[in-house]
Amino acid sequence: MTDNSSVRQVGLQIIQQATMHDQAGNLKEALKLYSIGLEALISTLKDEKNERLANTLKQRIIDYLNRAEEIKKIIEPKIETQSDGKKNQVKQPITSISLLSNLPSVPTTTPELESAISLTTSNVKTQNNNNIINSNINSQKNTNQIPFVNPSEIIEIQKDQSGIIFDNLFLKYFHGCRSVQIEDSNLKTRQQLQNLVLLCSIIVRGSNRTCKLIKVTTILDSTQNQQMTITEALSQLASSLMNYDTRLEWEFKLQIASNIIAIDNGTLIKLSRGLDIYKPLNSEYSIEALDYSLRLCNKCLIEITQSK
């Protein structure tokens, strides 16, 4: 995290995702995301200098904590009495909703405070309306999977092979495209996220800036800090792509059927490891960090089909 405002922004984004799950009836996922988002928001209170914003944030945190507690009671399993008279309780879902006692007292809501709360909510909605960030979560199985026919080209990358660069693998397929869909289950580590950044730069160059939309789907991470890191990285990438008139949208799912790159010109690329082609670097200051052709690769298979 870079500063208080960025942590707060990520927290609000995750809370927004939680409310979407909540409204859709996906209560377990809503509770999980409320926990992650609330941890982020609460962490910003200590260093918040703006008293009005701090009070607004406290009120919103309490509102969402109360809702999370309501959900927890709904999905909490009942205590069952066995035939021998012993009580058996099913394991509780793991959450971090034990935070209310850590919050300082909050003044009674006033019209001024309500106005500030509305302003905070409005700012988040405005960002989505401007399509700077569209991070919807879909916890359902992917029922609209892209059909994959026999590939017209197969690239086998061997373990510890070098000389493999993204430009040679992918650049030519993005010519003239206007939208790209990326589904990748391996977007968690810093290096994996940097691979996504690299691919997006290739899309911009390969399309000659005709690509207007990149959609990214990845797996929802169960670790709170890691989920926040992923969300912030995607947010920063979205801001960067806006400079090239390209919109980035993303969503998190519980599972992904296949790691693919689907291009609107009819090209479908299936990757056995997603974009996670390279082995981890020994050091960020090694020459391999900047020269991808020197990096050692994981064993993986790339299948390319062109239907147009």
C-alpha atoms as a PDB file:
ATOM      1  CA  MET A   1       0.000   0.000   0.000  1.00  0.00           C
ATOM      2  CA  THR A   2       1.283   3.403  -0.845  1.00  0.00           C
ATOM      3  CA  ASP A   3      -0.736   5.687   1.469  1.00  0.00           C
ATOM      4  CA  ASN A   4      -3.909   6.075   3.469  1.00  0.00           C
ATOM      5  CA  SER A   5      -6.045   7.163   0.516  1.00  0.00           C
ATOM      6  CA  SER A   6      -5.053   4.201  -1.648  1.00  0.00           C
ATOM      7  CA  VAL A   7      -5.786   1.739   1.173  1.00  0.00           C
ATOM      8  CA  ARG A   8      -9.165   3.399   1.720  1.00  0.00           C
ATOM      9  CA  GLN A   9      -9.935   3.257  -2.012  1.00  0.00           C
ATOM     10  CA  VAL A  10      -9.133  -0.450  -2.183  1.00  0.00           C
ATOM     11  CA  GLY A  11     -11.186  -1.086   0.956  1.00  0.00           C
ATOM     12  CA  LEU A  12     -14.207   0.715  -0.512  1.00  0.00           C
ATOM     13  CA  GLN A  13     -13.877  -1.244  -3.755  1.00  0.00           C
ATOM     14  CA  ILE A  14     -13.859  -4.553  -1.874  1.00  0.00           C
ATOM     15  CA  ILE A  15     -16.827  -3.448   0.262  1.00  0.00           C
ATOM     16  CA  GLN A  16     -18.689  -2.592  -2.941  1.00  0.00           C
ATOM     17  CA  GLN A  17     -17.975  -6.109  -4.213  1.00  0.00           C
ATOM     18  CA  ALA A  18     -19.250  -7.478  -0.903  1.00  0.00           C
ATOM     19  CA  THR A  19     -22.542  -5.586  -1.219  1.00  0.00           C
ATOM     20  CA  MET A  20     -22.996  -6.955  -4.746  1.00  0.00           C
ATOM     21  CA  HIS A  21     -22.623 -10.497  -3.373  1.00  0.00           C
ATOM     22  CA  ASP A  22     -24.908  -9.587  -0.486  1.00  0.00           C
ATOM     23  CA  GLN A  23     -27.650  -8.364  -2.832  1.00  0.00           C
ATOM     24  CA  ALA A  24     -27.246 -11.459  -5.014  1.00  0.00           C
ATOM     25  CA  GLY A  25     -27.716 -13.749  -2.014  1.00  0.00           C
ATOM     26  CA  ASN A  26     -24.128 -15.066  -1.996  1.00  0.00           C
ATOM     27  CA  LEU A  27     -23.815 -14.539   1.732  1.00  0.00           C
ATOM     28  CA  LYS A  28     -20.661 -16.546   2.414  1.00  0.00           C
ATOM     29  CA  GLU A  29     -18.719 -14.629  -0.212  1.00  0.00           C
ATOM     30  CA  ALA A  30     -20.249 -11.354   0.969  1.00  0.00           C
ATOM     31  CA  LEU A  31     -19.104 -12.053   4.531  1.00  0.00           C
ATOM     32  CA  LYS A  32     -15.603 -12.918   3.350  1.00  0.00           C
ATOM     33  CA  LEU A  33     -15.307  -9.702   1.347  1.00  0.00           C
ATOM     34  CA  TYR A  34     -16.830  -7.545   4.075  1.00  0.00           C
ATOM     35  CA  SER A  35     -14.065  -8.897   6.335  1.00  0.00           C
ATOM     36  CA  ILE A  36     -11.294  -8.017   3.859  1.00  0.00           C
ATOM     37  CA  GLY A  37     -12.701  -4.573   3.076  1.00  0.00           C
ATOM     38  CA  LEU A  38     -13.329  -3.681   6.703  1.00  0.00           C
ATOM     39  CA  GLU A  39      -9.790  -4.632   7.688  1.00  0.00           C
ATOM     40  CA  ALA A  40      -8.530  -2.194   5.056  1.00  0.00           C
ATOM     41  CA  LEU A  41     -10.844   0.650   6.126  1.00  0.00           C
ATOM     42  CA  ILE A  42     -10.143   0.227   9.828  1.00  0.00           C
ATOM     43  CA  SER A  43      -6.394   0.303   9.189  1.00  0.00           C
ATOM     44  CA  THR A  44      -6.734   3.826   7.743  1.00  0.00           C
ATOM     45  CA  LEU A  45      -8.457   5.373  10.762  1.00  0.00           C
ATOM     46  CA  LYS A  46      -5.381   5.644  12.977  1.00  0.00           C
ATOM     47  CA  ASP A  47      -3.538   8.029  10.670  1.00  0.00           C
ATOM     48  CA  GLU A  48      -6.531   9.901   9.255  1.00  0.00           C
ATOM     49  CA  LYS A  49      -6.013  13.632   9.917  1.00  0.00           C
ATOM     50  CA  ASN A  50      -9.353  14.824   8.524  1.00  0.00           C
ATOM     51  CA  GLU A  51     -11.746  14.550  11.485  1.00  0.00           C
ATOM     52  CA  ARG A  52     -14.863  14.819   9.349  1.00  0.00           C
ATOM     53  CA  LEU A  53     -13.679  12.070   6.997  1.00  0.00           C
ATOM     54  CA  ALA A  54     -12.650   9.913   9.961  1.00  0.00           C
ATOM     55  CA  ASN A  55     -16.119  10.239  11.526  1.00  0.00           C
ATOM     56  CA  THR A  56     -17.750   9.440   8.194  1.00  0.00           C
ATOM     57  CA  LEU A  57     -15.541   6.399   7.778  1.00  0.00           C
ATOM     58  CA  LYS A  58     -16.269   5.201  11.320  1.00  0.00           C
ATOM     59  CA  GLN A  59     -20.006   5.348  10.681  1.00  0.00           C
ATOM     60  CA  ARG A  60     -19.718   3.427   7.435  1.00  0.00           C
ATOM     61  CA  ILE A  61     -17.487   0.819   9.089  1.00  0.00           C
ATOM     62  CA  ILE A  62     -20.014   0.303  11.872  1.00  0.00           C
ATOM     63  CA  ASP A  63     -22.844  -0.032   9.334  1.00  0.00           C
ATOM     64  CA  TYR A  64     -20.963  -2.687   7.393  1.00  0.00           C
ATOM     65  CA  LEU A  65     -19.811  -4.462  10.566  1.00  0.00           C
ATOM     66  CA  ASN A  66     -23.438  -4.699  11.672  1.00  0.00           C
ATOM     67  CA  ARG A  67     -24.455  -6.116   8.303  1.00  0.00           C
ATOM     68  CA  ALA A  68     -21.589  -8.606   8.416  1.00  0.00           C
ATOM     69  CA  GLU A  69     -22.696  -9.738  11.877  1.00  0.00           C
ATOM     70  CA  GLU A  70     -26.242 -10.200  10.550  1.00  0.00           C
ATOM     71  CA  ILE A  71     -24.934 -12.368   7.711  1.00  0.00           C
ATOM     72  CA  LYS A  72     -22.791 -14.354  10.121  1.00  0.00           C
ATOM     73  CA  LYS A  73     -25.877 -15.144  12.223  1.00  0.00           C
ATOM     74  CA  ILE A  74     -27.791 -16.228   9.112  1.00  0.00           C
ATOM     75  CA  ILE A  75     -25.142 -18.634   7.841  1.00  0.00           C
ATOM     76  CA  GLU A  76     -23.996 -19.763  11.299  1.00  0.00           C
ATOM     77  CA  PRO A  77     -24.876 -23.463  11.676  1.00  0.00           C
ATOM     78  CA  LYS A  78     -27.290 -24.453  14.388  1.00  0.00           C
ATOM     79  CA  ILE A  79     -26.138 -26.570  17.332  1.00  0.00           C
ATOM     80  CA  GLU A  80     -27.371 -30.114  16.728  1.00  0.00           C
ATOM     81  CA  THR A  81     -28.199 -32.508  19.542  1.00  0.00           C
ATOM     82  CA  GLN A  82     -27.054 -36.071  18.827  1.00  0.00           C
ATOM     83  CA  SER A  83     -28.923 -39.183  19.898  1.00  0.00           C
ATOM     84  CA  ASP A  84     -26.595 -39.620  22.891  1.00  0.00           C
ATOM     85  CA  GLY A  85     -27.505 -36.160  24.132  1.00  0.00           C
ATOM     86  CA  LYS A  86     -24.198 -34.553  23.179  1.00  0.00           C
ATOM     87  CA  LYS A  87     -24.234 -31.294  21.344  1.00  0.00           C
ATOM     88  CA  ASN A  88     -22.429 -31.108  18.036  1.00  0.00           C
ATOM     89  CA  GLN A  89     -21.680 -27.843  16.291  1.00  0.00           C
ATOM     90  CA  VAL A  90     -20.556 -27.690  12.692  1.00  0.00           C
ATOM     91  CA  LYS A  91     -17.319 -25.772  12.160  1.00  0.00           C
ATOM     92  CA  GLN A  92     -17.912 -22.033  11.888  1.00  0.00           C
ATOM     93  CA  PRO A  93     -16.845 -20.064   8.840  1.00  0.00           C
ATOM     94  CA  ILE A  94     -13.576 -18.231   9.427  1.00  0.00           C
ATOM     95  CA  THR A  95     -14.049 -14.460   9.470  1.00  0.00           C
ATOM     96  CA  SER A  96     -12.358 -11.440  10.961  1.00  0.00           C
ATOM     97  CA  ILE A  97     -15.541  -9.715  12.106  1.00  0.00           C
ATOM     98  CA  SER A  98     -14.431  -9.087  15.677  1.00  0.00           C
ATOM     99  CA  LEU A  99     -13.405  -5.513  15.068  1.00  0.00           C
ATOM    100  CA  LEU A 100     -16.231  -3.414  16.458  1.00  0.00           C
ATOM    101  CA  SER A 101     -14.654  -3.119  19.906  1.00  0.00           C
ATOM    102  CA  ASN A 102     -11.512  -1.610  18.360  1.00  0.00           C
ATOM    103  CA  LEU A 103     -13.327   1.415  17.013  1.00  0.00           C
ATOM    104  CA  PRO A 104     -13.515   4.688  18.940  1.00  0.00           C
ATOM    105  CA  SER A 105     -16.936   6.142  19.698  1.00  0.00           C
ATOM    106  CA  VAL A 106     -18.769   7.789  16.836  1.00  0.00           C
ATOM    107  CA  PRO A 107     -20.889  10.923  17.184  1.00  0.00           C
ATOM    108  CA  THR A 108     -24.579  10.765  16.442  1.00  0.00           C
ATOM    109  CA  THR A 109     -25.272  11.069  12.731  1.00  0.00           C
ATOM    110  CA  THR A 110     -26.025  14.632  11.671  1.00  0.00           C
ATOM    111  CA  PRO A 111     -27.199  16.086   8.339  1.00  0.00           C
ATOM    112  CA  GLU A 112     -23.633  17.251   7.744  1.00  0.00           C
ATOM    113  CA  LEU A 113     -22.310  13.739   8.392  1.00  0.00           C
ATOM    114  CA  GLU A 114     -24.956  12.195   6.167  1.00  0.00           C
ATOM    115  CA  SER A 115     -23.899  14.607   3.428  1.00  0.00           C
ATOM    116  CA  ALA A 116     -20.288  13.547   3.828  1.00  0.00           C
ATOM    117  CA  ILE A 117     -21.263   9.859   3.669  1.00  0.00           C
ATOM    118  CA  SER A 118     -23.219  10.478   0.490  1.00  0.00           C
ATOM    119  CA  LEU A 119     -20.217  12.295  -0.973  1.00  0.00           C
ATOM    120  CA  THR A 120     -17.922   9.361  -0.188  1.00  0.00           C
ATOM    121  CA  THR A 121     -20.339   6.893  -1.786  1.00  0.00           C
ATOM    122  CA  SER A 122     -20.815   9.178  -4.769  1.00  0.00           C
ATOM    123  CA  ASN A 123     -17.083   9.298  -5.439  1.00  0.00           C
ATOM    124  CA  VAL A 124     -16.873   5.511  -5.610  1.00  0.00           C
ATOM    125  CA  LYS A 125     -19.891   5.289  -7.912  1.00  0.00           C
ATOM    126  CA  THR A 126     -18.522   8.016 -10.169  1.00  0.00           C
ATOM    127  CA  GLN A 127     -15.343   6.047 -10.717  1.00  0.00           C
ATOM    128  CA  ASN A 128     -17.367   3.047 -11.837  1.00  0.00           C
ATOM    129  CA  ASN A 129     -19.609   5.164 -14.059  1.00  0.00           C
ATOM    130  CA  ASN A 130     -16.502   6.505 -15.772  1.00  0.00           C
ATOM    131  CA  ASN A 131     -15.333   2.936 -16.269  1.00  0.00           C
ATOM    132  CA  ILE A 132     -12.010   3.603 -14.557  1.00  0.00           C
ATOM    133  CA  ILE A 133     -12.553   0.485 -12.472  1.00  0.00           C
ATOM    134  CA  ASN A 134     -15.131  -2.244 -12.924  1.00  0.00           C
ATOM    135  CA  SER A 135     -14.268  -5.042 -10.539  1.00  0.00           C
ATOM    136  CA  ASN A 136     -17.379  -7.244 -10.357  1.00  0.00           C
ATOM    137  CA  ILE A 137     -17.195 -10.551  -8.534  1.00  0.00           C
ATOM    138  CA  ASN A 138     -18.893 -13.678  -9.852  1.00  0.00           C
ATOM    139  CA  SER A 139     -18.734 -16.659  -7.533  1.00  0.00           C
ATOM    140  CA  GLN A 140     -20.739 -18.911  -9.801  1.00  0.00           C
ATOM    141  CA  LYS A 141     -19.228 -21.491 -12.125  1.00  0.00           C
ATOM    142  CA  ASN A 142     -18.473 -20.238 -15.595  1.00  0.00           C
ATOM    143  CA  THR A 143     -21.503 -21.393 -17.558  1.00  0.00           C
ATOM    144  CA  ASN A 144     -20.585 -19.378 -20.648  1.00  0.00           C
ATOM    145  CA  GLN A 145     -17.234 -20.959 -21.349  1.00  0.00           C
ATOM    146  CA  ILE A 146     -15.605 -20.069 -24.642  1.00  0.00           C
ATOM    147  CA  PRO A 147     -15.589 -23.123 -26.934  1.00  0.00           C
ATOM    148  CA  PHE A 148     -12.134 -24.346 -27.867  1.00  0.00           C
ATOM    149  CA  VAL A 149     -11.619 -26.247 -31.123  1.00  0.00           C
ATOM    150  CA  ASN A 150      -8.533 -28.006 -32.428  1.00  0.00           C
ATOM    151  CA  PRO A 151      -5.604 -25.566 -32.294  1.00  0.00           C
ATOM    152  CA  SER A 152      -3.940 -24.363 -35.477  1.00  0.00           C
ATOM    153  CA  GLU A 153      -0.632 -23.817 -33.669  1.00  0.00           C
ATOM    154  CA  ILE A 154       0.908 -25.491 -30.633  1.00  0.00           C
ATOM    155  CA  ILE A 155       3.918 -24.084 -28.788  1.00  0.00           C
ATOM    156  CA  GLU A 156       5.641 -26.323 -26.249  1.00  0.00           C
ATOM    157  CA  ILE A 157       7.940 -24.561 -23.819  1.00  0.00           C
ATOM    158  CA  GLN A 158      10.350 -26.830 -21.988  1.00  0.00           C
ATOM    159  CA  LYS A 159      11.497 -26.563 -18.394  1.00  0.00           C
ATOM    160  CA  ASP A 160      14.443 -24.145 -18.033  1.00  0.00           C
ATOM    161  CA  GLN A 161      14.166 -23.078 -21.667  1.00  0.00           C
ATOM    162  CA  SER A 162      15.245 -19.493 -22.375  1.00  0.00           C
ATOM    163  CA  GLY A 163      14.832 -17.114 -25.304  1.00  0.00           C
ATOM    164  CA  ILE A 164      11.045 -16.930 -24.865  1.00  0.00           C
ATOM    165  CA  ILE A 165       9.539 -13.426 -24.921  1.00  0.00           C
ATOM    166  CA  PHE A 166       5.911 -12.293 -24.951  1.00  0.00           C
ATOM    167  CA  ASP A 167       6.353 -10.170 -28.076  1.00  0.00           C
ATOM    168  CA  ASN A 168       7.271 -13.210 -30.175  1.00  0.00           C
ATOM    169  CA  LEU A 169       4.498 -15.301 -28.648  1.00  0.00           C
ATOM    170  CA  PHE A 170       1.564 -12.887 -28.752  1.00  0.00           C
ATOM    171  CA  LEU A 171       2.171  -9.541 -30.489  1.00  0.00           C
ATOM    172  CA  LYS A 172       0.982 -10.485 -33.995  1.00  0.00           C
ATOM    173  CA  TYR A 173      -2.396 -11.756 -32.791  1.00  0.00           C
ATOM    174  CA  PHE A 174      -3.611  -8.391 -31.493  1.00  0.00           C
ATOM    175  CA  HIS A 175      -3.471  -6.537 -34.811  1.00  0.00           C
ATOM    176  CA  GLY A 176      -6.583  -4.403 -35.228  1.00  0.00           C
ATOM    177  CA  CYS A 177      -8.401  -5.882 -32.237  1.00  0.00           C
ATOM    178  CA  ARG A 178     -10.829  -3.813 -30.190  1.00  0.00           C
ATOM    179  CA  SER A 179     -11.354  -6.035 -27.144  1.00  0.00           C
ATOM    180  CA  VAL A 180      -9.466  -8.790 -25.338  1.00  0.00           C
ATOM    181  CA  GLN A 181     -10.640 -11.175 -22.643  1.00  0.00           C
ATOM    182  CA  ILE A 182      -8.021 -12.671 -20.302  1.00  0.00           C
ATOM    183  CA  GLU A 183      -8.823 -15.489 -17.882  1.00  0.00           C
ATOM    184  CA  ASP A 184      -5.856 -16.431 -15.694  1.00  0.00           C
ATOM    185  CA  SER A 185      -5.820 -18.311 -12.407  1.00  0.00           C
ATOM    186  CA  ASN A 186      -2.194 -17.331 -11.747  1.00  0.00           C
ATOM    187  CA  LEU A 187      -2.336 -13.608 -10.973  1.00  0.00           C
ATOM    188  CA  LYS A 188      -1.227 -13.494  -7.354  1.00  0.00           C
ATOM    189  CA  THR A 189       2.488 -12.799  -7.058  1.00  0.00           C
ATOM    190  CA  ARG A 190       4.282  -9.597  -8.034  1.00  0.00           C
ATOM    191  CA  GLN A 191       5.934 -11.337 -10.998  1.00  0.00           C
ATOM    192  CA  GLN A 192       2.628 -12.789 -12.225  1.00  0.00           C
ATOM    193  CA  LEU A 193       0.970  -9.381 -12.063  1.00  0.00           C
ATOM    194  CA  GLN A 194       3.911  -7.866 -13.930  1.00  0.00           C
ATOM    195  CA  ASN A 195       3.345 -10.473 -16.651  1.00  0.00           C
ATOM    196  CA  LEU A 196      -0.187  -9.108 -17.011  1.00  0.00           C
ATOM    197  CA  VAL A 197       1.148  -5.547 -17.244  1.00  0.00           C
ATOM    198  CA  LEU A 198       3.568  -6.701 -19.953  1.00  0.00           C
ATOM    199  CA  LEU A 199       0.770  -8.391 -21.913  1.00  0.00           C
ATOM    200  CA  CYS A 200      -1.395  -5.260 -21.706  1.00  0.00           C
ATOM    201  CA  SER A 201       1.436  -3.175 -23.137  1.00  0.00           C
ATOM    202  CA  ILE A 202       1.740  -5.680 -25.988  1.00  0.00           C
ATOM    203  CA  ILE A 203      -2.019  -5.438 -26.611  1.00  0.00           C
ATOM    204  CA  VAL A 204      -1.773  -1.641 -26.854  1.00  0.00           C
ATOM    205  CA  ARG A 205       1.179  -1.828 -29.248  1.00  0.00           C
ATOM    206  CA  GLY A 206      -0.020  -4.841 -31.233  1.00  0.00           C
ATOM    207  CA  SER A 207      -3.450  -3.347 -31.839  1.00  0.00           C
ATOM    208  CA  ASN A 208      -1.912   0.023 -32.732  1.00  0.00           C
ATOM    209  CA  ARG A 209      -4.067   1.462 -29.935  1.00  0.00           C
ATOM    210  CA  THR A 210      -7.339   0.246 -31.456  1.00  0.00           C
ATOM    211  CA  CYS A 211      -8.079  -1.978 -28.448  1.00  0.00           C
ATOM    212  CA  LYS A 212     -10.602  -0.197 -26.246  1.00  0.00           C
ATOM    213  CA  LEU A 213     -11.395  -2.873 -23.683  1.00  0.00           C
ATOM    214  CA  ILE A 214      -9.396  -5.477 -21.760  1.00  0.00           C
ATOM    215  CA  LYS A 215     -11.343  -7.774 -19.443  1.00  0.00           C
ATOM    216  CA  VAL A 216      -9.412  -9.741 -16.827  1.00  0.00           C
ATOM    217  CA  THR A 217     -10.814 -12.629 -14.798  1.00  0.00           C
ATOM    218  CA  THR A 218      -8.781 -14.210 -12.020  1.00  0.00           C
ATOM    219  CA  ILE A 219      -9.204 -16.234  -8.839  1.00  0.00           C
ATOM    220  CA  LEU A 220     -10.398 -14.663  -5.610  1.00  0.00           C
ATOM    221  CA  ASP A 221      -7.547 -14.900  -3.103  1.00  0.00           C
ATOM    222  CA  SER A 222      -8.424 -16.006   0.418  1.00  0.00           C
ATOM    223  CA  THR A 223      -5.631 -13.948   1.989  1.00  0.00           C
ATOM    224  CA  GLN A 224      -6.786 -10.456   2.928  1.00  0.00           C
ATOM    225  CA  ASN A 225      -3.530  -8.605   2.325  1.00  0.00           C
ATOM    226  CA  GLN A 226      -2.883 -10.442  -0.938  1.00  0.00           C
ATOM    227  CA  GLN A 227      -6.394  -9.688  -2.219  1.00  0.00           C
ATOM    228  CA  MET A 228      -5.859  -6.005  -1.476  1.00  0.00           C
ATOM    229  CA  THR A 229      -2.501  -6.072  -3.268  1.00  0.00           C
ATOM    230  CA  ILE A 230      -4.065  -7.643  -6.363  1.00  0.00           C
ATOM    231  CA  THR A 231      -6.916  -5.134  -6.377  1.00  0.00           C
ATOM    232  CA  GLU A 232      -4.590  -2.166  -6.019  1.00  0.00           C
ATOM    233  CA  ALA A 233      -2.293  -3.481  -8.789  1.00  0.00           C
ATOM    234  CA  LEU A 234      -5.258  -3.826 -11.159  1.00  0.00           C
ATOM    235  CA  SER A 235      -6.451  -0.350 -10.198  1.00  0.00           C
ATOM    236  CA  GLN A 236      -3.069   1.156 -11.036  1.00  0.00           C
ATOM    237  CA  LEU A 237      -2.941  -0.770 -14.314  1.00  0.00           C
ATOM    238  CA  ALA A 238      -6.418   0.532 -15.174  1.00  0.00           C
ATOM    239  CA  SER A 239      -5.264   4.113 -14.613  1.00  0.00           C
ATOM    240  CA  SER A 240      -2.245   3.555 -16.836  1.00  0.00           C
ATOM    241  CA  LEU A 241      -4.302   2.042 -19.662  1.00  0.00           C
ATOM    242  CA  MET A 242      -6.662   5.018 -19.610  1.00  0.00           C
ATOM    243  CA  ASN A 243      -3.758   7.071 -21.002  1.00  0.00           C
ATOM    244  CA  TYR A 244      -4.023   4.938 -24.153  1.00  0.00           C
ATOM    245  CA  ASP A 245      -7.821   5.113 -24.356  1.00  0.00           C
ATOM    246  CA  THR A 246      -8.116   1.510 -23.195  1.00  0.00           C
ATOM    247  CA  ARG A 247     -10.491   0.509 -20.413  1.00  0.00           C
ATOM    248  CA  LEU A 248      -9.601  -2.270 -17.988  1.00  0.00           C
ATOM    249  CA  GLU A 249     -12.348  -4.269 -16.307  1.00  0.00           C
ATOM    250  CA  TRP A 250     -11.830  -7.190 -13.965  1.00  0.00           C
ATOM    251  CA  GLU A 251     -13.714  -9.731 -11.919  1.00  0.00           C
ATOM    252  CA  PHE A 252     -12.849 -12.394  -9.371  1.00  0.00           C
ATOM    253  CA  LYS A 253     -14.211 -15.937  -9.466  1.00  0.00           C
ATOM    254  CA  LEU A 254     -13.869 -18.940  -7.203  1.00  0.00           C
ATOM    255  CA  GLN A 255     -12.571 -21.021 -10.096  1.00  0.00           C
ATOM    256  CA  ILE A 256     -11.580 -20.713 -13.733  1.00  0.00           C
ATOM    257  CA  ALA A 257     -12.092 -23.527 -16.221  1.00  0.00           C
ATOM    258  CA  SER A 258      -9.177 -22.635 -18.523  1.00  0.00           C
ATOM    259  CA  ASN A 259      -6.450 -20.032 -18.739  1.00  0.00           C
ATOM    260  CA  ILE A 260      -7.155 -18.205 -21.993  1.00  0.00           C
ATOM    261  CA  ILE A 261      -6.688 -15.047 -24.025  1.00  0.00           C
ATOM    262  CA  ALA A 262      -9.728 -14.487 -26.249  1.00  0.00           C
ATOM    263  CA  ILE A 263      -9.386 -11.758 -28.883  1.00  0.00           C
ATOM    264  CA  ASP A 264     -12.334 -10.294 -30.781  1.00  0.00           C
ATOM    265  CA  ASN A 265     -10.612 -10.981 -34.129  1.00  0.00           C
ATOM    266  CA  GLY A 266     -11.313 -14.685 -33.658  1.00  0.00           C
ATOM    267  CA  THR A 267      -8.029 -15.698 -32.032  1.00  0.00           C
ATOM    268  CA  LEU A 268      -8.181 -17.899 -28.947  1.00  0.00           C
ATOM    269  CA  ILE A 269      -5.017 -18.671 -27.003  1.00  0.00           C
ATOM    270  CA  LYS A 270      -5.098 -21.391 -24.362  1.00  0.00           C
ATOM    271  CA  LEU A 271      -2.233 -21.406 -21.835  1.00  0.00           C
ATOM    272  CA  SER A 272      -1.615 -24.362 -19.530  1.00  0.00           C
ATOM    273  CA  ARG A 273      -0.083 -22.079 -16.857  1.00  0.00           C
ATOM    274  CA  GLY A 274      -1.726 -18.824 -17.828  1.00  0.00           C
ATOM    275  CA  LEU A 275       0.784 -15.997 -18.180  1.00  0.00           C
ATOM    276  CA  ASP A 276       2.972 -17.627 -15.526  1.00  0.00           C
ATOM    277  CA  ILE A 277       5.527 -18.771 -18.104  1.00  0.00           C
ATOM    278  CA  TYR A 278       8.727 -17.693 -16.361  1.00  0.00           C
ATOM    279  CA  LYS A 279      10.317 -19.100 -13.238  1.00  0.00           C
ATOM    280  CA  PRO A 280      10.651 -16.724 -10.262  1.00  0.00           C
ATOM    281  CA  LEU A 281      13.642 -14.395 -10.337  1.00  0.00           C
ATOM    282  CA  ASN A 282      16.447 -14.883  -7.841  1.00  0.00           C
ATOM    283  CA  SER A 283      16.778 -11.112  -7.532  1.00  0.00           C
ATOM    284  CA  GLU A 284      14.927  -8.051  -8.783  1.00  0.00           C
ATOM    285  CA  TYR A 285      18.321  -6.604  -9.654  1.00  0.00           C
ATOM    286  CA  SER A 286      19.467  -9.463 -11.891  1.00  0.00           C
ATOM    287  CA  ILE A 287      19.808  -8.779 -15.613  1.00  0.00           C
ATOM    288  CA  GLU A 288      16.982 -11.251 -16.224  1.00  0.00           C
ATOM    289  CA  ALA A 289      14.652  -8.798 -14.477  1.00  0.00           C
ATOM    290  CA  LEU A 290      14.733  -6.522 -17.535  1.00  0.00           C
ATOM    291  CA  ASP A 291      15.750  -8.939 -20.286  1.00  0.00           C
ATOM    292  CA  TYR A 292      12.994 -11.536 -20.534  1.00  0.00           C
ATOM    293  CA  SER A 293      14.875 -13.494 -23.190  1.00  0.00           C
ATOM    294  CA  LEU A 294      17.371 -14.527 -20.495  1.00  0.00           C
ATOM    295  CA  ARG A 295      14.727 -15.817 -18.109  1.00  0.00           C
ATOM    296  CA  LEU A 296      14.280 -19.530 -17.518  1.00  0.00           C
ATOM    297  CA  CYS A 297      10.796 -20.871 -18.233  1.00  0.00           C
ATOM    298  CA  ASN A 298       8.389 -23.270 -16.600  1.00  0.00           C
ATOM    299  CA  LYS A 299       7.248 -26.219 -18.661  1.00  0.00           C
ATOM    300  CA  CYS A 300       4.008 -25.169 -20.336  1.00  0.00           C
ATOM    301  CA  LEU A 301       1.869 -25.588 -23.432  1.00  0.00           C
ATOM    302  CA  ILE A 302       0.311 -22.814 -25.543  1.00  0.00           C
ATOM    303  CA  GLU A 303      -2.444 -23.652 -28.034  1.00  0.00           C
ATOM    304  CA  ILE A 304      -3.599 -21.057 -30.568  1.00  0.00           C
ATOM    305  CA  THR A 305      -6.745 -21.208 -32.663  1.00  0.00           C
ATOM    306  CA  GLN A 306      -7.861 -18.659 -35.232  1.00  0.00           C
ATOM    307  CA  SER A 307     -11.471 -18.943 -36.423  1.00  0.00           C
ATOM    308  CA  LYS A 308     -11.650 -15.896 -38.719  1.00  0.00           C
END
